[in-house]
Amino acid sequence: MELEDEEWELCCNDGLVYKRKRRRFNPPPESSTGSEDKRLEKLRKERKKQTLLKLKSKLEKEIVQWEHLSNTLRSLQISSSTQLQQQQEKQQEQDQTSSLPSTSSSTQSSLLDDLLFQVEAQEAIFHDISSLCDVAELLCLKQEQSLFELPIWSTPLELMQELSYDD
């Protein structure tokens, strides 16, 4: 009967569960609660502002990297199109000169030179594209790693506070 008169409550403190007598709840004065709420709200807003500023700077860096890649790809396209135009002009010149009587060895030599030039141009294009792909892959890998690099909290209470934090 004595246990019924006294109310007990279960408490959990850092994983330790125990039973204690229920305390009477005396609410603190309203003025201190209001100022505490204002202080907590101010801290929450400041933390949110800092988080958004970090996110903004991170996204700005990423945009700069992607713009650099885009500009590099655009310059690569322009250089490859100019090389293609040069090859077409050379081909037209060869077609015009081949209509004139010439020796077969000089024709074969010029044809071989043109083929060699084409292969070298293609090799340069492949190298540029490969380096662009490597940079893009590194950017994606860095973004994936940021998803796994989560902060470690020192106490379970801090972890719960971070998880229950509303953005």
N, C-alpha and C. Protein backbone atom coordinates (compact mmCIF):
# COMPACT_ATOMS: atom_id res chain seq x y z
N MET A 1 0.81 -1.19 0.00
CA MET A 1 0.00 0.00 0.00
C MET A 1 0.86 1.26 0.00
N GLU A 2 1.97 1.14 0.65
CA GLU A 2 2.86 2.27 0.73
C GLU A 2 3.41 2.64 -0.65
N LEU A 3 3.61 1.63 -1.50
CA LEU A 3 4.11 1.88 -2.85
C LEU A 3 3.08 2.59 -3.70
N GLU A 4 1.80 2.33 -3.41
CA GLU A 4 0.77 2.99 -4.20
C GLU A 4 0.72 4.48 -3.87
N ASP A 5 1.01 4.83 -2.63
CA ASP A 5 0.98 6.23 -2.25
C ASP A 5 2.13 7.00 -2.90
N GLU A 6 3.24 6.36 -2.94
CA GLU A 6 4.39 7.00 -3.56
C GLU A 6 4.43 6.62 -5.04
N GLU A 7 4.51 7.62 -5.87
CA GLU A 7 4.56 7.33 -7.30
C GLU A 7 6.02 7.21 -7.73
N TRP A 8 6.25 6.21 -8.53
CA TRP A 8 7.60 5.95 -9.02
C TRP A 8 7.65 6.25 -10.51
N GLU A 9 8.84 6.57 -10.97
CA GLU A 9 9.03 6.79 -12.40
C GLU A 9 10.31 6.09 -12.86
N LEU A 10 10.32 5.69 -14.12
CA LEU A 10 11.50 5.08 -14.71
C LEU A 10 12.35 6.18 -15.34
N CYS A 11 13.65 6.13 -15.11
CA CYS A 11 14.56 7.12 -15.67
C CYS A 11 15.61 6.42 -16.51
N CYS A 12 15.98 7.05 -17.58
CA CYS A 12 17.02 6.52 -18.45
C CYS A 12 18.10 7.59 -18.58
N ASN A 13 19.30 7.28 -18.11
CA ASN A 13 20.39 8.24 -18.14
C ASN A 13 21.59 7.59 -18.82
N ASP A 14 21.86 7.95 -20.05
CA ASP A 14 22.97 7.39 -20.83
C ASP A 14 22.95 5.86 -20.84
N GLY A 15 21.79 5.29 -21.05
CA GLY A 15 21.67 3.84 -21.16
C GLY A 15 21.43 3.14 -19.84
N LEU A 16 21.54 3.84 -18.72
CA LEU A 16 21.30 3.25 -17.40
C LEU A 16 19.85 3.52 -17.03
N VAL A 17 19.07 2.45 -16.84
CA VAL A 17 17.65 2.58 -16.52
C VAL A 17 17.49 2.28 -15.03
N TYR A 18 16.78 3.18 -14.34
CA TYR A 18 16.54 2.97 -12.91
C TYR A 18 15.19 3.59 -12.54
N LYS A 19 14.74 3.23 -11.32
CA LYS A 19 13.44 3.69 -10.83
C LYS A 19 13.70 4.67 -9.69
N ARG A 20 12.94 5.78 -9.70
CA ARG A 20 13.06 6.75 -8.61
C ARG A 20 11.69 7.32 -8.29
N LYS A 21 11.60 7.94 -7.14
CA LYS A 21 10.34 8.55 -6.73
C LYS A 21 10.06 9.73 -7.66
N ARG A 22 8.81 9.84 -8.00
CA ARG A 22 8.41 10.93 -8.88
C ARG A 22 8.52 12.25 -8.12
N ARG A 23 9.09 13.22 -8.75
CA ARG A 23 9.23 14.54 -8.14
C ARG A 23 8.02 15.39 -8.49
N ARG A 24 7.75 16.28 -7.62
CA ARG A 24 6.69 17.24 -7.93
C ARG A 24 7.27 18.26 -8.91
N PHE A 25 6.48 18.59 -9.87
CA PHE A 25 6.94 19.50 -10.91
C PHE A 25 6.54 20.93 -10.55
N ASN A 26 7.52 21.73 -10.26
CA ASN A 26 7.29 23.15 -10.00
C ASN A 26 7.85 23.92 -11.20
N PRO A 27 6.97 24.44 -12.03
CA PRO A 27 7.48 25.14 -13.21
C PRO A 27 8.22 26.41 -12.82
N PRO A 28 9.30 26.72 -13.53
CA PRO A 28 10.04 27.95 -13.23
C PRO A 28 9.21 29.17 -13.63
N PRO A 29 9.57 30.32 -13.16
CA PRO A 29 8.83 31.53 -13.52
C PRO A 29 8.82 31.74 -15.04
N GLU A 30 7.77 32.34 -15.54
CA GLU A 30 7.58 32.51 -16.98
C GLU A 30 8.65 33.38 -17.61
N SER A 31 9.15 34.36 -16.90
CA SER A 31 10.12 35.28 -17.49
C SER A 31 11.41 34.56 -17.87
N SER A 32 11.88 33.65 -17.01
CA SER A 32 13.11 32.93 -17.34
C SER A 32 12.88 31.94 -18.48
N THR A 33 11.70 31.32 -18.55
CA THR A 33 11.40 30.40 -19.64
C THR A 33 11.34 31.15 -20.96
N GLY A 34 10.73 32.32 -20.95
CA GLY A 34 10.64 33.13 -22.18
C GLY A 34 12.01 33.55 -22.67
N SER A 35 12.87 34.00 -21.75
CA SER A 35 14.22 34.41 -22.16
C SER A 35 15.04 33.21 -22.61
N GLU A 36 14.83 32.07 -21.96
CA GLU A 36 15.54 30.85 -22.37
C GLU A 36 15.08 30.42 -23.76
N ASP A 37 13.77 30.50 -24.02
CA ASP A 37 13.25 30.15 -25.34
C ASP A 37 13.81 31.08 -26.40
N LYS A 38 13.89 32.37 -26.08
CA LYS A 38 14.45 33.33 -27.04
C LYS A 38 15.91 33.03 -27.32
N ARG A 39 16.64 32.69 -26.26
CA ARG A 39 18.06 32.38 -26.42
C ARG A 39 18.24 31.13 -27.27
N LEU A 40 17.43 30.10 -27.00
CA LEU A 40 17.51 28.86 -27.77
C LEU A 40 17.12 29.09 -29.23
N GLU A 41 16.11 29.91 -29.44
CA GLU A 41 15.69 30.23 -30.81
C GLU A 41 16.79 30.99 -31.55
N LYS A 42 17.44 31.91 -30.85
CA LYS A 42 18.54 32.66 -31.46
C LYS A 42 19.69 31.72 -31.81
N LEU A 43 20.02 30.80 -30.91
CA LEU A 43 21.08 29.83 -31.19
C LEU A 43 20.72 28.93 -32.36
N ARG A 44 19.46 28.51 -32.42
CA ARG A 44 19.01 27.66 -33.53
C ARG A 44 19.11 28.40 -34.86
N LYS A 45 18.70 29.67 -34.86
CA LYS A 45 18.79 30.46 -36.10
C LYS A 45 20.24 30.68 -36.52
N GLU A 46 21.11 30.93 -35.54
CA GLU A 46 22.52 31.12 -35.85
C GLU A 46 23.15 29.85 -36.42
N ARG A 47 22.80 28.71 -35.83
CA ARG A 47 23.31 27.43 -36.32
C ARG A 47 22.80 27.15 -37.73
N LYS A 48 21.54 27.46 -37.95
CA LYS A 48 20.95 27.27 -39.28
C LYS A 48 21.62 28.19 -40.30
N LYS A 49 21.90 29.42 -39.90
CA LYS A 49 22.56 30.38 -40.79
C LYS A 49 23.96 29.88 -41.15
N GLN A 50 24.71 29.39 -40.17
CA GLN A 50 26.05 28.88 -40.42
C GLN A 50 26.02 27.67 -41.35
N THR A 51 25.05 26.80 -41.14
CA THR A 51 24.91 25.62 -41.99
C THR A 51 24.61 26.02 -43.43
N LEU A 52 23.71 26.99 -43.59
CA LEU A 52 23.37 27.45 -44.94
C LEU A 52 24.55 28.15 -45.61
N LEU A 53 25.34 28.90 -44.85
CA LEU A 53 26.52 29.55 -45.43
C LEU A 53 27.55 28.52 -45.89
N LYS A 54 27.74 27.47 -45.09
CA LYS A 54 28.66 26.40 -45.49
C LYS A 54 28.17 25.72 -46.76
N LEU A 55 26.87 25.44 -46.81
CA LEU A 55 26.29 24.80 -47.99
C LEU A 55 26.43 25.70 -49.21
N LYS A 56 26.21 26.99 -49.03
CA LYS A 56 26.33 27.93 -50.14
C LYS A 56 27.75 27.95 -50.69
N SER A 57 28.74 28.03 -49.81
CA SER A 57 30.13 28.06 -50.28
C SER A 57 30.51 26.75 -50.96
N LYS A 58 30.02 25.65 -50.44
CA LYS A 58 30.30 24.35 -51.05
C LYS A 58 29.70 24.27 -52.45
N LEU A 59 28.46 24.74 -52.59
CA LEU A 59 27.81 24.70 -53.90
C LEU A 59 28.47 25.68 -54.88
N GLU A 60 28.93 26.83 -54.39
CA GLU A 60 29.62 27.77 -55.27
C GLU A 60 30.92 27.17 -55.80
N LYS A 61 31.66 26.48 -54.94
CA LYS A 61 32.89 25.82 -55.39
C LYS A 61 32.59 24.77 -56.44
N GLU A 62 31.53 24.00 -56.22
CA GLU A 62 31.16 22.96 -57.17
C GLU A 62 30.74 23.58 -58.51
N ILE A 63 30.02 24.69 -58.47
CA ILE A 63 29.60 25.36 -59.70
C ILE A 63 30.83 25.85 -60.47
N VAL A 64 31.81 26.40 -59.77
CA VAL A 64 33.04 26.86 -60.43
C VAL A 64 33.75 25.69 -61.11
N GLN A 65 33.81 24.55 -60.44
CA GLN A 65 34.46 23.38 -61.03
C GLN A 65 33.73 22.91 -62.27
N TRP A 66 32.40 22.84 -62.21
CA TRP A 66 31.63 22.38 -63.37
C TRP A 66 31.71 23.39 -64.51
N GLU A 67 31.75 24.69 -64.21
CA GLU A 67 31.92 25.69 -65.26
C GLU A 67 33.27 25.54 -65.93
N HIS A 68 34.30 25.27 -65.14
CA HIS A 68 35.63 25.05 -65.71
C HIS A 68 35.61 23.83 -66.65
N LEU A 69 34.98 22.76 -66.20
CA LEU A 69 34.87 21.58 -67.06
C LEU A 69 34.09 21.89 -68.33
N SER A 70 33.02 22.64 -68.20
CA SER A 70 32.20 23.00 -69.36
C SER A 70 33.00 23.85 -70.35
N ASN A 71 33.74 24.82 -69.83
CA ASN A 71 34.56 25.65 -70.71
C ASN A 71 35.66 24.85 -71.39
N THR A 72 36.25 23.92 -70.67
CA THR A 72 37.29 23.07 -71.26
C THR A 72 36.70 22.20 -72.36
N LEU A 73 35.54 21.64 -72.12
CA LEU A 73 34.89 20.82 -73.13
C LEU A 73 34.51 21.66 -74.35
N ARG A 74 34.03 22.87 -74.12
CA ARG A 74 33.67 23.75 -75.23
C ARG A 74 34.90 24.08 -76.07
N SER A 75 36.02 24.39 -75.42
CA SER A 75 37.25 24.69 -76.17
C SER A 75 37.74 23.45 -76.92
N LEU A 76 37.54 22.29 -76.32
CA LEU A 76 37.91 21.04 -77.00
C LEU A 76 37.06 20.84 -78.25
N GLN A 77 35.77 21.12 -78.15
CA GLN A 77 34.89 21.00 -79.31
C GLN A 77 35.29 21.98 -80.41
N ILE A 78 35.63 23.19 -80.02
CA ILE A 78 36.03 24.19 -81.01
C ILE A 78 37.32 23.77 -81.69
N SER A 79 38.30 23.30 -80.91
CA SER A 79 39.58 22.89 -81.52
C SER A 79 39.40 21.68 -82.42
N SER A 80 38.55 20.75 -82.02
CA SER A 80 38.33 19.57 -82.88
C SER A 80 37.60 19.96 -84.15
N SER A 81 36.67 20.92 -84.07
CA SER A 81 35.97 21.35 -85.29
C SER A 81 36.91 22.10 -86.23
N THR A 82 37.83 22.90 -85.68
CA THR A 82 38.80 23.59 -86.54
C THR A 82 39.76 22.59 -87.19
N GLN A 83 40.16 21.57 -86.43
CA GLN A 83 41.03 20.54 -87.01
C GLN A 83 40.30 19.79 -88.11
N LEU A 84 39.03 19.53 -87.92
CA LEU A 84 38.24 18.85 -88.94
C LEU A 84 38.13 19.71 -90.19
N GLN A 85 37.93 21.01 -90.02
CA GLN A 85 37.86 21.91 -91.17
C GLN A 85 39.20 21.94 -91.91
N GLN A 86 40.30 21.97 -91.16
CA GLN A 86 41.62 21.96 -91.79
C GLN A 86 41.83 20.68 -92.59
N GLN A 87 41.41 19.56 -92.03
CA GLN A 87 41.54 18.29 -92.74
C GLN A 87 40.71 18.29 -94.01
N GLN A 88 39.50 18.83 -93.93
CA GLN A 88 38.65 18.88 -95.12
C GLN A 88 39.26 19.78 -96.18
N GLU A 89 39.84 20.90 -95.77
CA GLU A 89 40.50 21.79 -96.73
C GLU A 89 41.68 21.10 -97.39
N LYS A 90 42.48 20.38 -96.59
CA LYS A 90 43.61 19.65 -97.16
C LYS A 90 43.14 18.57 -98.12
N GLN A 91 42.06 17.92 -97.75
CA GLN A 91 41.51 16.87 -98.62
C GLN A 91 41.06 17.46 -99.95
N GLN A 92 40.42 18.61 -99.90
CA GLN A 92 39.98 19.27 -101.12
C GLN A 92 41.18 19.68 -101.97
N GLU A 93 42.23 20.19 -101.32
CA GLU A 93 43.44 20.56 -102.06
C GLU A 93 44.07 19.34 -102.71
N GLN A 94 44.07 18.23 -101.98
CA GLN A 94 44.64 17.01 -102.54
C GLN A 94 43.81 16.51 -103.71
N ASP A 95 42.51 16.61 -103.58
CA ASP A 95 41.65 16.19 -104.69
C ASP A 95 41.92 17.03 -105.93
N GLN A 96 42.15 18.32 -105.73
CA GLN A 96 42.44 19.19 -106.86
C GLN A 96 43.80 18.88 -107.44
N THR A 97 44.79 18.63 -106.57
CA THR A 97 46.13 18.34 -107.08
C THR A 97 46.21 16.94 -107.65
N SER A 98 45.39 16.03 -107.18
CA SER A 98 45.43 14.67 -107.72
C SER A 98 44.86 14.62 -109.13
N SER A 99 44.03 15.59 -109.46
CA SER A 99 43.51 15.62 -110.83
C SER A 99 44.61 16.01 -111.81
N LEU A 100 45.63 16.74 -111.31
CA LEU A 100 46.78 17.06 -112.15
C LEU A 100 47.69 15.84 -112.19
N PRO A 101 48.43 15.69 -113.26
CA PRO A 101 49.35 14.55 -113.32
C PRO A 101 50.44 14.68 -112.25
N SER A 102 50.63 13.63 -111.49
CA SER A 102 51.68 13.62 -110.47
C SER A 102 52.19 12.20 -110.32
N THR A 103 53.27 12.10 -109.62
CA THR A 103 53.85 10.78 -109.42
C THR A 103 53.10 10.07 -108.31
N SER A 104 53.06 8.77 -108.36
CA SER A 104 52.32 8.00 -107.37
C SER A 104 53.00 8.03 -106.00
N SER A 105 54.30 8.14 -105.94
CA SER A 105 55.01 8.16 -104.65
C SER A 105 54.71 9.44 -103.88
N SER A 106 54.61 10.57 -104.55
CA SER A 106 54.30 11.82 -103.85
C SER A 106 52.86 11.80 -103.34
N THR A 107 51.95 11.19 -104.10
CA THR A 107 50.56 11.07 -103.68
C THR A 107 50.46 10.18 -102.45
N GLN A 108 51.19 9.07 -102.48
CA GLN A 108 51.17 8.16 -101.33
C GLN A 108 51.78 8.82 -100.10
N SER A 109 52.82 9.58 -100.30
CA SER A 109 53.48 10.26 -99.19
C SER A 109 52.54 11.30 -98.56
N SER A 110 51.87 12.08 -99.39
CA SER A 110 50.95 13.08 -98.85
C SER A 110 49.75 12.42 -98.17
N LEU A 111 49.29 11.29 -98.74
CA LEU A 111 48.19 10.56 -98.12
C LEU A 111 48.62 10.01 -96.76
N LEU A 112 49.82 9.50 -96.69
CA LEU A 112 50.35 8.97 -95.43
C LEU A 112 50.50 10.09 -94.39
N ASP A 113 50.98 11.25 -94.84
CA ASP A 113 51.11 12.39 -93.93
C ASP A 113 49.75 12.83 -93.39
N ASP A 114 48.75 12.84 -94.26
CA ASP A 114 47.41 13.21 -93.82
C ASP A 114 46.84 12.22 -92.81
N LEU A 115 47.04 10.95 -93.07
CA LEU A 115 46.56 9.93 -92.13
C LEU A 115 47.27 10.05 -90.78
N LEU A 116 48.56 10.30 -90.83
CA LEU A 116 49.33 10.47 -89.60
C LEU A 116 48.83 11.70 -88.82
N PHE A 117 48.55 12.79 -89.54
CA PHE A 117 48.02 13.99 -88.91
C PHE A 117 46.66 13.71 -88.26
N GLN A 118 45.81 12.96 -88.94
CA GLN A 118 44.50 12.61 -88.39
C GLN A 118 44.63 11.79 -87.11
N VAL A 119 45.53 10.82 -87.13
CA VAL A 119 45.73 9.97 -85.95
C VAL A 119 46.25 10.80 -84.77
N GLU A 120 47.18 11.71 -85.03
CA GLU A 120 47.70 12.56 -83.96
C GLU A 120 46.61 13.47 -83.40
N ALA A 121 45.76 14.00 -84.27
CA ALA A 121 44.66 14.85 -83.82
C ALA A 121 43.68 14.04 -82.97
N GLN A 122 43.37 12.83 -83.41
CA GLN A 122 42.47 11.97 -82.64
C GLN A 122 43.07 11.61 -81.29
N GLU A 123 44.37 11.36 -81.26
CA GLU A 123 45.04 11.04 -80.01
C GLU A 123 44.95 12.22 -79.03
N ALA A 124 45.14 13.43 -79.53
CA ALA A 124 45.04 14.61 -78.67
C ALA A 124 43.62 14.77 -78.13
N ILE A 125 42.64 14.52 -78.99
CA ILE A 125 41.24 14.61 -78.56
C ILE A 125 40.94 13.57 -77.49
N PHE A 126 41.40 12.33 -77.71
CA PHE A 126 41.18 11.27 -76.72
C PHE A 126 41.84 11.62 -75.39
N HIS A 127 43.03 12.18 -75.45
CA HIS A 127 43.73 12.56 -74.22
C HIS A 127 42.95 13.64 -73.48
N ASP A 128 42.47 14.66 -74.20
CA ASP A 128 41.70 15.73 -73.57
C ASP A 128 40.41 15.20 -72.95
N ILE A 129 39.71 14.35 -73.68
CA ILE A 129 38.46 13.79 -73.16
C ILE A 129 38.73 12.91 -71.94
N SER A 130 39.81 12.16 -71.99
CA SER A 130 40.17 11.30 -70.86
C SER A 130 40.46 12.14 -69.61
N SER A 131 41.17 13.24 -69.78
CA SER A 131 41.46 14.09 -68.61
C SER A 131 40.18 14.74 -68.08
N LEU A 132 39.27 15.12 -68.98
CA LEU A 132 37.98 15.67 -68.53
C LEU A 132 37.18 14.62 -67.76
N CYS A 133 37.19 13.41 -68.24
CA CYS A 133 36.47 12.33 -67.54
C CYS A 133 37.08 12.08 -66.17
N ASP A 134 38.41 12.14 -66.08
CA ASP A 134 39.07 11.95 -64.78
C ASP A 134 38.65 13.03 -63.79
N VAL A 135 38.60 14.27 -64.25
CA VAL A 135 38.21 15.37 -63.37
C VAL A 135 36.76 15.21 -62.93
N ALA A 136 35.88 14.85 -63.87
CA ALA A 136 34.46 14.65 -63.52
C ALA A 136 34.31 13.50 -62.54
N GLU A 137 35.08 12.44 -62.73
CA GLU A 137 35.01 11.30 -61.82
C GLU A 137 35.48 11.69 -60.42
N LEU A 138 36.53 12.51 -60.34
CA LEU A 138 37.00 12.97 -59.03
C LEU A 138 35.95 13.84 -58.34
N LEU A 139 35.27 14.68 -59.10
CA LEU A 139 34.21 15.50 -58.51
C LEU A 139 33.09 14.63 -57.96
N CYS A 140 32.69 13.64 -58.72
CA CYS A 140 31.62 12.76 -58.26
C CYS A 140 32.06 11.95 -57.04
N LEU A 141 33.31 11.49 -57.04
CA LEU A 141 33.82 10.72 -55.91
C LEU A 141 33.86 11.59 -54.65
N LYS A 142 34.28 12.85 -54.81
CA LYS A 142 34.32 13.75 -53.66
C LYS A 142 32.92 13.97 -53.11
N GLN A 143 31.94 14.10 -54.00
CA GLN A 143 30.56 14.30 -53.55
C GLN A 143 30.05 13.05 -52.83
N GLU A 144 30.39 11.87 -53.34
CA GLU A 144 29.96 10.63 -52.68
C GLU A 144 30.61 10.49 -51.31
N GLN A 145 31.88 10.86 -51.20
CA GLN A 145 32.57 10.74 -49.92
C GLN A 145 31.96 11.66 -48.87
N SER A 146 31.49 12.83 -49.30
CA SER A 146 30.89 13.75 -48.33
C SER A 146 29.61 13.17 -47.73
N LEU A 147 28.98 12.25 -48.45
CA LEU A 147 27.78 11.62 -47.91
C LEU A 147 28.12 10.64 -46.78
N PHE A 148 29.32 10.07 -46.82
CA PHE A 148 29.71 9.08 -45.82
C PHE A 148 30.51 9.68 -44.68
N GLU A 149 31.07 10.85 -44.85
CA GLU A 149 31.87 11.47 -43.80
C GLU A 149 30.95 12.26 -42.87
N LEU A 150 30.32 11.55 -41.98
CA LEU A 150 29.39 12.17 -41.04
C LEU A 150 30.13 12.54 -39.76
N PRO A 151 29.71 13.62 -39.11
CA PRO A 151 30.39 14.00 -37.86
C PRO A 151 30.12 12.97 -36.77
N ILE A 152 31.07 12.81 -35.88
CA ILE A 152 30.94 11.89 -34.75
C ILE A 152 30.63 12.72 -33.51
N TRP A 153 29.61 12.32 -32.79
CA TRP A 153 29.19 13.05 -31.61
C TRP A 153 29.81 12.41 -30.37
N SER A 154 30.10 13.25 -29.38
CA SER A 154 30.80 12.75 -28.21
C SER A 154 29.89 12.00 -27.24
N THR A 155 28.63 12.39 -27.12
CA THR A 155 27.74 11.73 -26.18
C THR A 155 26.43 11.36 -26.87
N PRO A 156 25.72 10.38 -26.32
CA PRO A 156 24.42 10.04 -26.89
C PRO A 156 23.44 11.21 -26.82
N LEU A 157 23.55 12.02 -25.79
CA LEU A 157 22.66 13.18 -25.66
C LEU A 157 22.90 14.16 -26.81
N GLU A 158 24.16 14.40 -27.13
CA GLU A 158 24.48 15.29 -28.25
C GLU A 158 23.99 14.71 -29.57
N LEU A 159 24.12 13.41 -29.74
CA LEU A 159 23.62 12.75 -30.94
C LEU A 159 22.12 12.93 -31.07
N MET A 160 21.40 12.74 -29.98
CA MET A 160 19.94 12.90 -30.01
C MET A 160 19.56 14.36 -30.31
N GLN A 161 20.32 15.29 -29.77
CA GLN A 161 20.04 16.70 -30.05
C GLN A 161 20.25 17.00 -31.53
N GLU A 162 21.31 16.47 -32.12
CA GLU A 162 21.56 16.70 -33.54
C GLU A 162 20.51 16.04 -34.42
N LEU A 163 20.08 14.85 -34.03
CA LEU A 163 19.08 14.15 -34.83
C LEU A 163 17.71 14.80 -34.73
N SER A 164 17.41 15.41 -33.59
CA SER A 164 16.10 16.03 -33.42
C SER A 164 16.10 17.48 -33.84
N TYR A 165 17.22 17.99 -34.27
CA TYR A 165 17.33 19.39 -34.70
C TYR A 165 16.56 19.59 -35.99
N ASP A 166 15.65 20.58 -36.00
CA ASP A 166 14.86 20.90 -37.19
C ASP A 166 15.58 21.96 -37.99
N ASP A 167 15.79 21.67 -39.27
CA ASP A 167 16.46 22.65 -40.14
C ASP A 167 15.47 23.65 -40.60
